[in-house]
Protein backbone atom coordinates (compact mmCIF):
# COMPACT_ATOMS: atom_id res chain seq x y z
CA MET A 1 5.83 52.41 -8.77
CA SER A 2 6.72 55.65 -10.29
CA ARG A 3 6.59 58.95 -8.34
CA SER A 4 6.66 62.48 -9.22
CA VAL A 5 10.07 64.48 -8.65
CA GLY A 6 9.53 68.03 -9.55
CA ALA A 7 8.64 68.23 -13.35
CA HIS A 8 9.69 64.68 -13.97
CA THR A 9 8.38 61.21 -13.30
CA ALA A 10 10.87 59.01 -11.35
CA ASP A 11 10.79 55.30 -12.08
CA PRO A 12 12.55 52.49 -10.16
CA CYS A 13 15.44 50.51 -11.34
CA PRO A 14 14.31 46.78 -11.82
CA ARG A 15 17.31 45.57 -9.98
CA CYS A 16 17.93 47.89 -6.99
CA PHE A 17 14.58 49.61 -7.02
CA ILE A 18 16.12 53.03 -6.55
CA GLU A 19 13.71 55.66 -8.08
CA ALA A 20 15.37 58.17 -10.30
CA VAL A 21 14.68 60.31 -13.50
CA ARG A 22 16.04 58.33 -16.29
CA LEU A 23 15.42 59.75 -19.80
CA GLY A 24 16.79 56.76 -21.72
CA ARG A 25 18.18 56.72 -25.16
CA PRO A 26 17.00 55.30 -28.48
CA VAL A 27 18.75 52.46 -30.04
CA THR A 28 18.13 49.57 -32.46
CA ILE A 29 18.76 46.15 -31.24
CA ALA A 30 18.39 43.08 -33.53
CA GLY A 31 16.28 45.24 -35.94
CA HIS A 32 13.89 46.51 -33.14
CA ASP A 33 13.73 50.12 -31.82
CA VAL A 34 14.14 50.31 -28.10
CA VAL A 35 14.82 52.81 -25.40
CA VAL A 36 17.77 51.88 -23.17
CA TYR A 37 18.04 53.08 -19.56
CA LEU A 38 21.03 53.05 -17.08
CA CYS A 39 20.83 53.05 -13.24
CA ASP A 40 23.40 55.52 -11.77
CA HIS A 41 23.19 53.66 -8.56
CA CYS A 42 23.97 50.07 -9.52
CA ALA A 43 24.90 50.37 -13.27
CA HIS A 44 22.12 48.10 -14.42
CA THR A 45 20.92 48.53 -17.90
CA TRP A 46 17.49 47.63 -19.21
CA SER A 47 15.25 48.46 -22.15
CA ARG A 48 11.77 48.88 -23.29
CA PRO A 49 10.38 48.72 -26.85
CA VAL A 50 9.39 51.83 -28.61
CA GLU A 51 5.63 51.84 -28.70
CA ASP A 52 4.47 50.46 -32.04
CA ASP A 53 0.74 49.89 -31.39
CA LEU A 54 0.16 53.63 -30.35
CA GLU A 55 -3.19 54.93 -31.56
CA VAL A 56 -4.98 58.24 -31.61
CA TYR A 57 -6.78 58.82 -28.19
CA ASP A 58 -4.34 56.56 -26.24
CA VAL A 59 -3.45 58.06 -22.91
CA VAL A 60 0.28 58.61 -22.92
CA ARG A 61 3.34 59.79 -20.92
CA ALA A 62 5.89 61.84 -22.71
CA ASP A 63 9.40 61.85 -21.14
CA LEU A 64 10.92 65.13 -22.25
CA PRO A 65 14.30 66.47 -21.30
CA ASP A 66 12.66 69.32 -19.21
CA ALA A 67 9.50 67.59 -17.80
CA THR A 68 7.30 64.56 -17.97
CA ARG A 69 4.01 65.40 -19.59
CA TYR A 70 0.88 63.28 -19.55
CA GLY A 71 -1.81 63.65 -22.22
CA THR A 72 -3.74 62.07 -25.11
CA ALA A 73 -2.09 61.03 -28.46
CA TRP A 74 -3.77 63.43 -30.94
CA GLN A 75 -1.87 62.56 -34.02
CA VAL A 76 0.43 59.55 -34.64
CA GLU A 77 3.09 59.48 -37.33
CA ALA A 78 5.96 57.01 -37.90
CA ASP A 79 8.65 59.02 -36.02
CA ARG A 80 6.51 61.47 -33.82
CA VAL A 81 3.40 61.83 -31.85
CA GLN A 82 1.42 65.00 -31.22
CA VAL A 83 0.32 64.92 -27.53
CA ARG A 84 -2.57 67.05 -26.31
CA GLY A 85 -2.77 68.04 -22.68
CA THR A 86 -5.75 67.21 -20.47
CA GLY A 87 -8.41 69.78 -21.30
CA GLY A 88 -6.54 70.99 -24.26
CA ASP A 89 -4.13 73.16 -22.25
CA TRP A 90 -1.26 72.42 -24.63
CA LEU A 91 -0.43 70.52 -27.75
CA LEU A 92 3.12 69.50 -28.69
CA TRP A 93 4.91 67.17 -31.08
CA VAL A 94 7.19 64.47 -29.32
CA GLU A 95 9.48 62.06 -30.74
CA ARG A 96 7.84 58.74 -30.82
CA TRP A 97 10.56 56.98 -28.68
CA ARG A 98 9.80 59.32 -25.86
CA VAL A 99 6.17 58.29 -25.61
CA ILE A 100 4.82 55.56 -23.30
CA ILE A 101 1.19 54.27 -23.42
CA TYR A 102 -0.04 54.96 -19.95
């Protein structure tokens, strides 16, 4: 289960279950876009697919370098997503690979 760590969300490693902030990096494996993560504790690597079924009004989490943001997908393009904060507090464009349907 994820927990909040300052401005970020910390996720557990699937192998050792140590929770940490892991931003991941985008790569293409066998023609599919994925985000790869590395655990600093046990050196385990894993991946998740880049969301390809993302639609306007989906509730999302955006893992940014400076913070984790939660909001609604406001516009969806091939390589980026416009995310709107709860109550319209903020609106920003995020690279699609950083967005996770929540």
